Amino acid sequence: MALVGFVSEAQRIEAAMATIRKELGVRPWGAATTLGAGADKRKHRMSAAGRRHIAAAQRKRWKAFHAAQAAPKRNLSPAAKAKLVANLAKARAAKAAKASPATTA
């Protein structure tokens, strides 16, 4: 009996919600839209010229993006590069000296 009471209560609540939705103008799920008499029912279609314009702008953005990606990350002067090479050689020599202990007795 309790289940019957809950079902009738749920039906009463659903009916109340339906009347409130109707008053508010909320459509039930999947219902078709009802437009006013003067409403334009056509979808907006982009013109071919508009699509070409957008495509050209996107190609321009991608071209700039790829140009920035292809650019070298650092531009070292020859003097700076020589300094880095000298420091690397010095570090390698120090590591080699540390790895093989000197045989001084």
PDB file of N, CA and C in Angstrom:
ATOM      1  N   MET A   1       0.814  -1.199   0.000  1.00  0.00           N
ATOM      2  CA  MET A   1       0.000   0.000   0.000  1.00  0.00           C
ATOM      3  C   MET A   1       0.863   1.272   0.000  1.00  0.00           C
ATOM      4  N   ALA A   2       2.009   1.168   0.681  1.00  0.00           N
ATOM      5  CA  ALA A   2       2.887   2.329   0.728  1.00  0.00           C
ATOM      6  C   ALA A   2       3.376   2.689  -0.669  1.00  0.00           C
ATOM      7  N   LEU A   3       3.654   1.680  -1.481  1.00  0.00           N
ATOM      8  CA  LEU A   3       4.124   1.919  -2.846  1.00  0.00           C
ATOM      9  C   LEU A   3       3.047   2.609  -3.674  1.00  0.00           C
ATOM     10  N   VAL A   4       1.818   2.194  -3.513  1.00  0.00           N
ATOM     11  CA  VAL A   4       0.707   2.824  -4.235  1.00  0.00           C
ATOM     12  C   VAL A   4       0.597   4.289  -3.837  1.00  0.00           C
ATOM     13  N   GLY A   5       0.759   4.571  -2.555  1.00  0.00           N
ATOM     14  CA  GLY A   5       0.699   5.947  -2.089  1.00  0.00           C
ATOM     15  C   GLY A   5       1.809   6.805  -2.668  1.00  0.00           C
ATOM     16  N   PHE A   6       3.024   6.233  -2.742  1.00  0.00           N
ATOM     17  CA  PHE A   6       4.145   6.980  -3.316  1.00  0.00           C
ATOM     18  C   PHE A   6       3.954   7.217  -4.807  1.00  0.00           C
ATOM     19  N   VAL A   7       3.414   6.241  -5.528  1.00  0.00           N
ATOM     20  CA  VAL A   7       3.181   6.407  -6.966  1.00  0.00           C
ATOM     21  C   VAL A   7       2.154   7.503  -7.204  1.00  0.00           C
ATOM     22  N   SER A   8       1.071   7.512  -6.419  1.00  0.00           N
ATOM     23  CA  SER A   8       0.057   8.551  -6.608  1.00  0.00           C
ATOM     24  C   SER A   8       0.623   9.930  -6.251  1.00  0.00           C
ATOM     25  N   GLU A   9       1.468   9.983  -5.230  1.00  0.00           N
ATOM     26  CA  GLU A   9       2.117  11.247  -4.860  1.00  0.00           C
ATOM     27  C   GLU A   9       3.035  11.729  -5.979  1.00  0.00           C
ATOM     28  N   ALA A  10       3.797  10.806  -6.592  1.00  0.00           N
ATOM     29  CA  ALA A  10       4.685  11.176  -7.703  1.00  0.00           C
ATOM     30  C   ALA A  10       3.886  11.683  -8.886  1.00  0.00           C
ATOM     31  N   GLN A  11       2.745  11.055  -9.175  1.00  0.00           N
ATOM     32  CA  GLN A  11       1.906  11.508 -10.289  1.00  0.00           C
ATOM     33  C   GLN A  11       1.347  12.901 -10.013  1.00  0.00           C
ATOM     34  N   ARG A  12       0.965  13.159  -8.780  1.00  0.00           N
ATOM     35  CA  ARG A  12       0.440  14.469  -8.420  1.00  0.00           C
ATOM     36  C   ARG A  12       1.525  15.542  -8.579  1.00  0.00           C
ATOM     37  N   ILE A  13       2.753  15.202  -8.151  1.00  0.00           N
ATOM     38  CA  ILE A  13       3.870  16.150  -8.283  1.00  0.00           C
ATOM     39  C   ILE A  13       4.198  16.394  -9.748  1.00  0.00           C
ATOM     40  N   GLU A  14       4.219  15.345 -10.574  1.00  0.00           N
ATOM     41  CA  GLU A  14       4.492  15.499 -12.011  1.00  0.00           C
ATOM     42  C   GLU A  14       3.435  16.381 -12.667  1.00  0.00           C
ATOM     43  N   ALA A  15       2.170  16.216 -12.288  1.00  0.00           N
ATOM     44  CA  ALA A  15       1.102  17.040 -12.854  1.00  0.00           C
ATOM     45  C   ALA A  15       1.299  18.505 -12.465  1.00  0.00           C
ATOM     46  N   ALA A  16       1.673  18.742 -11.215  1.00  0.00           N
ATOM     47  CA  ALA A  16       1.914  20.118 -10.772  1.00  0.00           C
ATOM     48  C   ALA A  16       3.095  20.724 -11.526  1.00  0.00           C
ATOM     49  N   MET A  17       4.150  19.927 -11.720  1.00  0.00           N
ATOM     50  CA  MET A  17       5.317  20.425 -12.464  1.00  0.00           C
ATOM     51  C   MET A  17       4.954  20.719 -13.912  1.00  0.00           C
ATOM     52  N   ALA A  18       4.105  19.899 -14.515  1.00  0.00           N
ATOM     53  CA  ALA A  18       3.692  20.119 -15.903  1.00  0.00           C
ATOM     54  C   ALA A  18       2.916  21.425 -16.040  1.00  0.00           C
ATOM     55  N   THR A  19       2.038  21.719 -15.084  1.00  0.00           N
ATOM     56  CA  THR A  19       1.286  22.983 -15.167  1.00  0.00           C
ATOM     57  C   THR A  19       2.213  24.178 -14.991  1.00  0.00           C
ATOM     58  N   ILE A  20       3.188  24.050 -14.110  1.00  0.00           N
ATOM     59  CA  ILE A  20       4.146  25.152 -13.920  1.00  0.00           C
ATOM     60  C   ILE A  20       4.969  25.358 -15.178  1.00  0.00           C
ATOM     61  N   ARG A  21       5.419  24.252 -15.794  1.00  0.00           N
ATOM     62  CA  ARG A  21       6.190  24.371 -17.043  1.00  0.00           C
ATOM     63  C   ARG A  21       5.355  25.041 -18.132  1.00  0.00           C
ATOM     64  N   LYS A  22       4.077  24.667 -18.203  1.00  0.00           N
ATOM     65  CA  LYS A  22       3.200  25.239 -19.218  1.00  0.00           C
ATOM     66  C   LYS A  22       3.040  26.738 -19.001  1.00  0.00           C
ATOM     67  N   GLU A  23       2.902  27.164 -17.753  1.00  0.00           N
ATOM     68  CA  GLU A  23       2.768  28.585 -17.435  1.00  0.00           C
ATOM     69  C   GLU A  23       4.050  29.350 -17.762  1.00  0.00           C
ATOM     70  N   LEU A  24       5.179  28.707 -17.538  1.00  0.00           N
ATOM     71  CA  LEU A  24       6.458  29.367 -17.809  1.00  0.00           C
ATOM     72  C   LEU A  24       6.822  29.332 -19.288  1.00  0.00           C
ATOM     73  N   GLY A  25       6.184  28.466 -20.047  1.00  0.00           N
ATOM     74  CA  GLY A  25       6.497  28.347 -21.472  1.00  0.00           C
ATOM     75  C   GLY A  25       7.672  27.441 -21.736  1.00  0.00           C
ATOM     76  N   VAL A  26       8.002  26.578 -20.791  1.00  0.00           N
ATOM     77  CA  VAL A  26       9.107  25.645 -20.977  1.00  0.00           C
ATOM     78  C   VAL A  26       8.602  24.461 -21.782  1.00  0.00           C
ATOM     79  N   ARG A  27       9.336  24.122 -22.842  1.00  0.00           N
ATOM     80  CA  ARG A  27       8.926  23.009 -23.688  1.00  0.00           C
ATOM     81  C   ARG A  27       9.402  21.692 -23.098  1.00  0.00           C
ATOM     82  N   PRO A  28       8.648  20.636 -23.252  1.00  0.00           N
ATOM     83  CA  PRO A  28       9.118  19.316 -22.819  1.00  0.00           C
ATOM     84  C   PRO A  28      10.265  18.857 -23.698  1.00  0.00           C
ATOM     85  N   TRP A  29      10.998  17.876 -23.246  1.00  0.00           N
ATOM     86  CA  TRP A  29      12.171  17.384 -23.976  1.00  0.00           C
ATOM     87  C   TRP A  29      11.786  16.943 -25.368  1.00  0.00           C
ATOM     88  N   GLY A  30      12.561  17.398 -26.372  1.00  0.00           N
ATOM     89  CA  GLY A  30      12.377  16.945 -27.745  1.00  0.00           C
ATOM     90  C   GLY A  30      11.234  17.612 -28.481  1.00  0.00           C
ATOM     91  N   ALA A  31      10.513  18.537 -27.876  1.00  0.00           N
ATOM     92  CA  ALA A  31       9.401  19.184 -28.558  1.00  0.00           C
ATOM     93  C   ALA A  31       9.938  20.185 -29.572  1.00  0.00           C
ATOM     94  N   ALA A  32       9.210  20.346 -30.646  1.00  0.00           N
ATOM     95  CA  ALA A  32       9.618  21.278 -31.688  1.00  0.00           C
ATOM     96  C   ALA A  32       9.402  22.704 -31.206  1.00  0.00           C
ATOM     97  N   THR A  33      10.222  23.600 -31.710  1.00  0.00           N
ATOM     98  CA  THR A  33      10.083  24.996 -31.309  1.00  0.00           C
ATOM     99  C   THR A  33       8.893  25.605 -32.028  1.00  0.00           C
ATOM    100  N   THR A  34       8.203  26.477 -31.363  1.00  0.00           N
ATOM    101  CA  THR A  34       7.093  27.196 -31.978  1.00  0.00           C
ATOM    102  C   THR A  34       7.503  28.651 -32.048  1.00  0.00           C
ATOM    103  N   LEU A  35       7.805  29.093 -33.248  1.00  0.00           N
ATOM    104  CA  LEU A  35       8.257  30.463 -33.440  1.00  0.00           C
ATOM    105  C   LEU A  35       7.057  31.366 -33.683  1.00  0.00           C
ATOM    106  N   GLY A  36       7.264  32.653 -33.450  1.00  0.00           N
ATOM    107  CA  GLY A  36       6.205  33.620 -33.691  1.00  0.00           C
ATOM    108  C   GLY A  36       5.887  33.718 -35.171  1.00  0.00           C
ATOM    109  N   ALA A  37       4.830  34.442 -35.506  1.00  0.00           N
ATOM    110  CA  ALA A  37       4.374  34.516 -36.891  1.00  0.00           C
ATOM    111  C   ALA A  37       5.411  35.160 -37.797  1.00  0.00           C
ATOM    112  N   GLY A  38       6.122  36.179 -37.301  1.00  0.00           N
ATOM    113  CA  GLY A  38       7.062  36.892 -38.152  1.00  0.00           C
ATOM    114  C   GLY A  38       8.488  36.396 -38.033  1.00  0.00           C
ATOM    115  N   ALA A  39       8.693  35.305 -37.307  1.00  0.00           N
ATOM    116  CA  ALA A  39      10.058  34.833 -37.073  1.00  0.00           C
ATOM    117  C   ALA A  39      10.620  34.184 -38.336  1.00  0.00           C
ATOM    118  N   ASP A  40      11.902  34.402 -38.550  1.00  0.00           N
ATOM    119  CA  ASP A  40      12.592  33.820 -39.701  1.00  0.00           C
ATOM    120  C   ASP A  40      13.019  32.408 -39.348  1.00  0.00           C
ATOM    121  N   LYS A  41      12.553  31.428 -40.087  1.00  0.00           N
ATOM    122  CA  LYS A  41      12.830  30.035 -39.763  1.00  0.00           C
ATOM    123  C   LYS A  41      14.055  29.500 -40.500  1.00  0.00           C
ATOM    124  N   ARG A  42      14.669  30.299 -41.366  1.00  0.00           N
ATOM    125  CA  ARG A  42      15.834  29.842 -42.112  1.00  0.00           C
ATOM    126  C   ARG A  42      17.069  29.850 -41.235  1.00  0.00           C
ATOM    127  N   LYS A  43      17.964  28.913 -41.504  1.00  0.00           N
ATOM    128  CA  LYS A  43      19.245  28.915 -40.809  1.00  0.00           C
ATOM    129  C   LYS A  43      20.171  29.880 -41.522  1.00  0.00           C
ATOM    130  N   HIS A  44      21.087  30.460 -40.753  1.00  0.00           N
ATOM    131  CA  HIS A  44      22.063  31.359 -41.354  1.00  0.00           C
ATOM    132  C   HIS A  44      23.112  30.526 -42.066  1.00  0.00           C
ATOM    133  N   ARG A  45      23.328  30.780 -43.315  1.00  0.00           N
ATOM    134  CA  ARG A  45      24.340  30.079 -44.090  1.00  0.00           C
ATOM    135  C   ARG A  45      25.453  31.057 -44.425  1.00  0.00           C
ATOM    136  N   MET A  46      26.690  30.625 -44.255  1.00  0.00           N
ATOM    137  CA  MET A  46      27.819  31.489 -44.565  1.00  0.00           C
ATOM    138  C   MET A  46      28.051  31.467 -46.067  1.00  0.00           C
ATOM    139  N   SER A  47      28.353  32.605 -46.617  1.00  0.00           N
ATOM    140  CA  SER A  47      28.599  32.672 -48.055  1.00  0.00           C
ATOM    141  C   SER A  47      29.953  32.052 -48.378  1.00  0.00           C
ATOM    142  N   ALA A  48      30.130  31.703 -49.631  1.00  0.00           N
ATOM    143  CA  ALA A  48      31.395  31.114 -50.076  1.00  0.00           C
ATOM    144  C   ALA A  48      32.532  32.116 -49.886  1.00  0.00           C
ATOM    145  N   ALA A  49      32.251  33.389 -50.112  1.00  0.00           N
ATOM    146  CA  ALA A  49      33.279  34.412 -49.925  1.00  0.00           C
ATOM    147  C   ALA A  49      33.672  34.512 -48.456  1.00  0.00           C
ATOM    148  N   GLY A  50      32.702  34.386 -47.572  1.00  0.00           N
ATOM    149  CA  GLY A  50      33.002  34.416 -46.142  1.00  0.00           C
ATOM    150  C   GLY A  50      33.860  33.240 -45.722  1.00  0.00           C
ATOM    151  N   ARG A  51      33.540  32.052 -46.244  1.00  0.00           N
ATOM    152  CA  ARG A  51      34.352  30.865 -45.936  1.00  0.00           C
ATOM    153  C   ARG A  51      35.772  31.029 -46.462  1.00  0.00           C
ATOM    154  N   ARG A  52      35.912  31.595 -47.669  1.00  0.00           N
ATOM    155  CA  ARG A  52      37.254  31.823 -48.231  1.00  0.00           C
ATOM    156  C   ARG A  52      38.038  32.804 -47.367  1.00  0.00           C
ATOM    157  N   HIS A  53      37.376  33.841 -46.897  1.00  0.00           N
ATOM    158  CA  HIS A  53      38.026  34.842 -46.056  1.00  0.00           C
ATOM    159  C   HIS A  53      38.521  34.219 -44.756  1.00  0.00           C
ATOM    160  N   ILE A  54      37.688  33.412 -44.121  1.00  0.00           N
ATOM    161  CA  ILE A  54      38.076  32.756 -42.865  1.00  0.00           C
ATOM    162  C   ILE A  54      39.204  31.761 -43.111  1.00  0.00           C
ATOM    163  N   ALA A  55      39.126  31.006 -44.200  1.00  0.00           N
ATOM    164  CA  ALA A  55      40.169  30.026 -44.509  1.00  0.00           C
ATOM    165  C   ALA A  55      41.505  30.721 -44.769  1.00  0.00           C
ATOM    166  N   ALA A  56      41.472  31.848 -45.468  1.00  0.00           N
ATOM    167  CA  ALA A  56      42.712  32.584 -45.748  1.00  0.00           C
ATOM    168  C   ALA A  56      43.326  33.111 -44.449  1.00  0.00           C
ATOM    169  N   ALA A  57      42.486  33.592 -43.547  1.00  0.00           N
ATOM    170  CA  ALA A  57      42.993  34.090 -42.267  1.00  0.00           C
ATOM    171  C   ALA A  57      43.599  32.955 -41.451  1.00  0.00           C
ATOM    172  N   GLN A  58      42.963  31.774 -41.476  1.00  0.00           N
ATOM    173  CA  GLN A  58      43.499  30.629 -40.735  1.00  0.00           C
ATOM    174  C   GLN A  58      44.834  30.171 -41.331  1.00  0.00           C
ATOM    175  N   ARG A  59      44.929  30.150 -42.661  1.00  0.00           N
ATOM    176  CA  ARG A  59      46.207  29.781 -43.292  1.00  0.00           C
ATOM    177  C   ARG A  59      47.303  30.762 -42.907  1.00  0.00           C
ATOM    178  N   LYS A  60      46.949  32.043 -42.829  1.00  0.00           N
ATOM    179  CA  LYS A  60      47.934  33.060 -42.434  1.00  0.00           C
ATOM    180  C   LYS A  60      48.406  32.822 -41.003  1.00  0.00           C
ATOM    181  N   ARG A  61      47.460  32.491 -40.094  1.00  0.00           N
ATOM    182  CA  ARG A  61      47.843  32.217 -38.699  1.00  0.00           C
ATOM    183  C   ARG A  61      48.744  30.987 -38.612  1.00  0.00           C
ATOM    184  N   TRP A  62      48.400  29.924 -39.341  1.00  0.00           N
ATOM    185  CA  TRP A  62      49.226  28.711 -39.305  1.00  0.00           C
ATOM    186  C   TRP A  62      50.608  28.961 -39.894  1.00  0.00           C
ATOM    187  N   LYS A  63      50.656  29.757 -40.944  1.00  0.00           N
ATOM    188  CA  LYS A  63      51.947  30.064 -41.549  1.00  0.00           C
ATOM    189  C   LYS A  63      52.844  30.800 -40.555  1.00  0.00           C
ATOM    190  N   ALA A  64      52.285  31.761 -39.836  1.00  0.00           N
ATOM    191  CA  ALA A  64      53.054  32.494 -38.829  1.00  0.00           C
ATOM    192  C   ALA A  64      53.465  31.570 -37.687  1.00  0.00           C
ATOM    193  N   PHE A  65      52.568  30.666 -37.291  1.00  0.00           N
ATOM    194  CA  PHE A  65      52.874  29.727 -36.208  1.00  0.00           C
ATOM    195  C   PHE A  65      54.022  28.809 -36.603  1.00  0.00           C
ATOM    196  N   HIS A  66      53.965  28.242 -37.799  1.00  0.00           N
ATOM    197  CA  HIS A  66      55.022  27.326 -38.237  1.00  0.00           C
ATOM    198  C   HIS A  66      56.341  28.056 -38.484  1.00  0.00           C
ATOM    199  N   ALA A  67      56.263  29.301 -38.912  1.00  0.00           N
ATOM    200  CA  ALA A  67      57.488  30.075 -39.097  1.00  0.00           C
ATOM    201  C   ALA A  67      58.161  30.307 -37.747  1.00  0.00           C
ATOM    202  N   ALA A  68      57.377  30.555 -36.724  1.00  0.00           N
ATOM    203  CA  ALA A  68      57.946  30.766 -35.393  1.00  0.00           C
ATOM    204  C   ALA A  68      58.524  29.469 -34.837  1.00  0.00           C
ATOM    205  N   GLN A  69      57.911  28.337 -35.160  1.00  0.00           N
ATOM    206  CA  GLN A  69      58.409  27.049 -34.676  1.00  0.00           C
ATOM    207  C   GLN A  69      59.719  26.674 -35.362  1.00  0.00           C
ATOM    208  N   ALA A  70      59.871  27.035 -36.617  1.00  0.00           N
ATOM    209  CA  ALA A  70      61.064  26.666 -37.373  1.00  0.00           C
ATOM    210  C   ALA A  70      62.257  27.564 -37.043  1.00  0.00           C
ATOM    211  N   ALA A  71      62.019  28.713 -36.454  1.00  0.00           N
ATOM    212  CA  ALA A  71      63.102  29.644 -36.144  1.00  0.00           C
ATOM    213  C   ALA A  71      64.035  29.021 -35.101  1.00  0.00           C
ATOM    214  N   PRO A  72      65.330  29.277 -35.236  1.00  0.00           N
ATOM    215  CA  PRO A  72      66.249  28.729 -34.236  1.00  0.00           C
ATOM    216  C   PRO A  72      65.961  29.341 -32.865  1.00  0.00           C
ATOM    217  N   LYS A  73      66.197  28.559 -31.848  1.00  0.00           N
ATOM    218  CA  LYS A  73      65.848  29.009 -30.505  1.00  0.00           C
ATOM    219  C   LYS A  73      66.876  30.001 -29.954  1.00  0.00           C
ATOM    220  N   ARG A  74      68.160  29.812 -30.300  1.00  0.00           N
ATOM    221  CA  ARG A  74      69.195  30.736 -29.820  1.00  0.00           C
ATOM    222  C   ARG A  74      70.083  31.131 -30.980  1.00  0.00           C
ATOM    223  N   ASN A  75      70.459  32.373 -31.028  1.00  0.00           N
ATOM    224  CA  ASN A  75      71.417  32.861 -32.011  1.00  0.00           C
ATOM    225  C   ASN A  75      72.677  33.252 -31.253  1.00  0.00           C
ATOM    226  N   LEU A  76      73.661  32.359 -31.272  1.00  0.00           N
ATOM    227  CA  LEU A  76      74.905  32.627 -30.557  1.00  0.00           C
ATOM    228  C   LEU A  76      75.921  33.262 -31.485  1.00  0.00           C
ATOM    229  N   SER A  77      76.652  34.190 -30.938  1.00  0.00           N
ATOM    230  CA  SER A  77      77.751  34.770 -31.697  1.00  0.00           C
ATOM    231  C   SER A  77      78.889  33.746 -31.715  1.00  0.00           C
ATOM    232  N   PRO A  78      79.797  33.847 -32.674  1.00  0.00           N
ATOM    233  CA  PRO A  78      80.919  32.902 -32.711  1.00  0.00           C
ATOM    234  C   PRO A  78      81.742  32.927 -31.421  1.00  0.00           C
ATOM    235  N   ALA A  79      81.901  34.104 -30.813  1.00  0.00           N
ATOM    236  CA  ALA A  79      82.668  34.199 -29.573  1.00  0.00           C
ATOM    237  C   ALA A  79      81.959  33.462 -28.428  1.00  0.00           C
ATOM    238  N   ALA A  80      80.653  33.617 -28.344  1.00  0.00           N
ATOM    239  CA  ALA A  80      79.905  32.941 -27.288  1.00  0.00           C
ATOM    240  C   ALA A  80      79.931  31.435 -27.488  1.00  0.00           C
ATOM    241  N   LYS A  81      79.832  31.001 -28.739  1.00  0.00           N
ATOM    242  CA  LYS A  81      79.875  29.570 -29.020  1.00  0.00           C
ATOM    243  C   LYS A  81      81.242  28.999 -28.663  1.00  0.00           C
ATOM    244  N   ALA A  82      82.310  29.725 -28.979  1.00  0.00           N
ATOM    245  CA  ALA A  82      83.661  29.264 -28.642  1.00  0.00           C
ATOM    246  C   ALA A  82      83.829  29.166 -27.137  1.00  0.00           C
ATOM    247  N   LYS A  83      83.257  30.108 -26.403  1.00  0.00           N
ATOM    248  CA  LYS A  83      83.331  30.079 -24.951  1.00  0.00           C
ATOM    249  C   LYS A  83      82.621  28.851 -24.389  1.00  0.00           C
ATOM    250  N   LEU A  84      81.433  28.527 -24.939  1.00  0.00           N
ATOM    251  CA  LEU A  84      80.703  27.336 -24.494  1.00  0.00           C
ATOM    252  C   LEU A  84      81.479  26.058 -24.807  1.00  0.00           C
ATOM    253  N   VAL A  85      82.086  25.998 -25.977  1.00  0.00           N
ATOM    254  CA  VAL A  85      82.869  24.818 -26.363  1.00  0.00           C
ATOM    255  C   VAL A  85      84.071  24.664 -25.435  1.00  0.00           C
ATOM    256  N   ALA A  86      84.725  25.773 -25.094  1.00  0.00           N
ATOM    257  CA  ALA A  86      85.873  25.712 -24.192  1.00  0.00           C
ATOM    258  C   ALA A  86      85.453  25.240 -22.802  1.00  0.00           C
ATOM    259  N   ASN A  87      84.324  25.740 -22.305  1.00  0.00           N
ATOM    260  CA  ASN A  87      83.830  25.309 -20.996  1.00  0.00           C
ATOM    261  C   ASN A  87      83.473  23.821 -21.011  1.00  0.00           C
ATOM    262  N   LEU A  88      82.884  23.356 -22.099  1.00  0.00           N
ATOM    263  CA  LEU A  88      82.528  21.945 -22.203  1.00  0.00           C
ATOM    264  C   LEU A  88      83.780  21.071 -22.218  1.00  0.00           C
ATOM    265  N   ALA A  89      84.791  21.498 -22.965  1.00  0.00           N
ATOM    266  CA  ALA A  89      86.038  20.736 -23.010  1.00  0.00           C
ATOM    267  C   ALA A  89      86.690  20.692 -21.630  1.00  0.00           C
ATOM    268  N   LYS A  90      86.655  21.806 -20.919  1.00  0.00           N
ATOM    269  CA  LYS A  90      87.229  21.869 -19.574  1.00  0.00           C
ATOM    270  C   LYS A  90      86.472  20.930 -18.621  1.00  0.00           C
ATOM    271  N   ALA A  91      85.127  20.899 -18.720  1.00  0.00           N
ATOM    272  CA  ALA A  91      84.314  20.044 -17.862  1.00  0.00           C
ATOM    273  C   ALA A  91      84.573  18.573 -18.173  1.00  0.00           C
ATOM    274  N   ARG A  92      84.714  18.258 -19.455  1.00  0.00           N
ATOM    275  CA  ARG A  92      84.989  16.865 -19.830  1.00  0.00           C
ATOM    276  C   ARG A  92      86.360  16.421 -19.327  1.00  0.00           C
ATOM    277  N   ALA A  93      87.326  17.308 -19.414  1.00  0.00           N
ATOM    278  CA  ALA A  93      88.667  16.971 -18.937  1.00  0.00           C
ATOM    279  C   ALA A  93      88.648  16.745 -17.425  1.00  0.00           C
ATOM    280  N   ALA A  94      87.911  17.583 -16.689  1.00  0.00           N
ATOM    281  CA  ALA A  94      87.826  17.428 -15.242  1.00  0.00           C
ATOM    282  C   ALA A  94      87.136  16.118 -14.882  1.00  0.00           C
ATOM    283  N   LYS A  95      86.113  15.751 -15.635  1.00  0.00           N
ATOM    284  CA  LYS A  95      85.415  14.497 -15.381  1.00  0.00           C
ATOM    285  C   LYS A  95      86.299  13.304 -15.687  1.00  0.00           C
ATOM    286  N   ALA A  96      87.060  13.392 -16.781  1.00  0.00           N
ATOM    287  CA  ALA A  96      87.961  12.300 -17.135  1.00  0.00           C
ATOM    288  C   ALA A  96      89.059  12.142 -16.090  1.00  0.00           C
ATOM    289  N   ALA A  97      89.559  13.257 -15.562  1.00  0.00           N
ATOM    290  CA  ALA A  97      90.603  13.211 -14.553  1.00  0.00           C
ATOM    291  C   ALA A  97      90.072  12.607 -13.253  1.00  0.00           C
ATOM    292  N   LYS A  98      88.825  12.899 -12.946  1.00  0.00           N
ATOM    293  CA  LYS A  98      88.209  12.366 -11.743  1.00  0.00           C
ATOM    294  C   LYS A  98      87.933  10.872 -11.877  1.00  0.00           C
ATOM    295  N   ALA A  99      87.549  10.444 -13.094  1.00  0.00           N
ATOM    296  CA  ALA A  99      87.198   9.047 -13.315  1.00  0.00           C
ATOM    297  C   ALA A  99      88.414   8.147 -13.278  1.00  0.00           C
ATOM    298  N   SER A 100      89.515   8.602 -13.825  1.00  0.00           N
ATOM    299  CA  SER A 100      90.748   7.779 -13.790  1.00  0.00           C
ATOM    300  C   SER A 100      91.719   8.395 -12.801  1.00  0.00           C
ATOM    301  N   PRO A 101      91.873   7.809 -11.629  1.00  0.00           N
ATOM    302  CA  PRO A 101      92.754   8.410 -10.645  1.00  0.00           C
ATOM    303  C   PRO A 101      94.195   8.423 -11.130  1.00  0.00           C
ATOM    304  N   ALA A 102      94.883   9.466 -10.748  1.00  0.00           N
ATOM    305  CA  ALA A 102      96.281   9.617 -11.154  1.00  0.00           C
ATOM    306  C   ALA A 102      97.133   8.535 -10.486  1.00  0.00           C
ATOM    307  N   THR A 103      98.065   8.020 -11.220  1.00  0.00           N
ATOM    308  CA  THR A 103      98.947   6.942 -10.698  1.00  0.00           C
ATOM    309  C   THR A 103     100.247   7.564 -10.217  1.00  0.00           C
ATOM    310  N   THR A 104     100.151   8.443  -9.291  1.00  0.00           N
ATOM    311  CA  THR A 104     101.364   9.045  -8.718  1.00  0.00           C
ATOM    312  C   THR A 104     101.665   8.326  -7.402  1.00  0.00           C
ATOM    313  N   ALA A 105     102.911   7.863  -7.312  1.00  0.00           N
ATOM    314  CA  ALA A 105     103.269   7.120  -6.096  1.00  0.00           C
ATOM    315  C   ALA A 105     104.488   7.699  -5.446  1.00  0.00           C
TER     316      ALA A 105
END
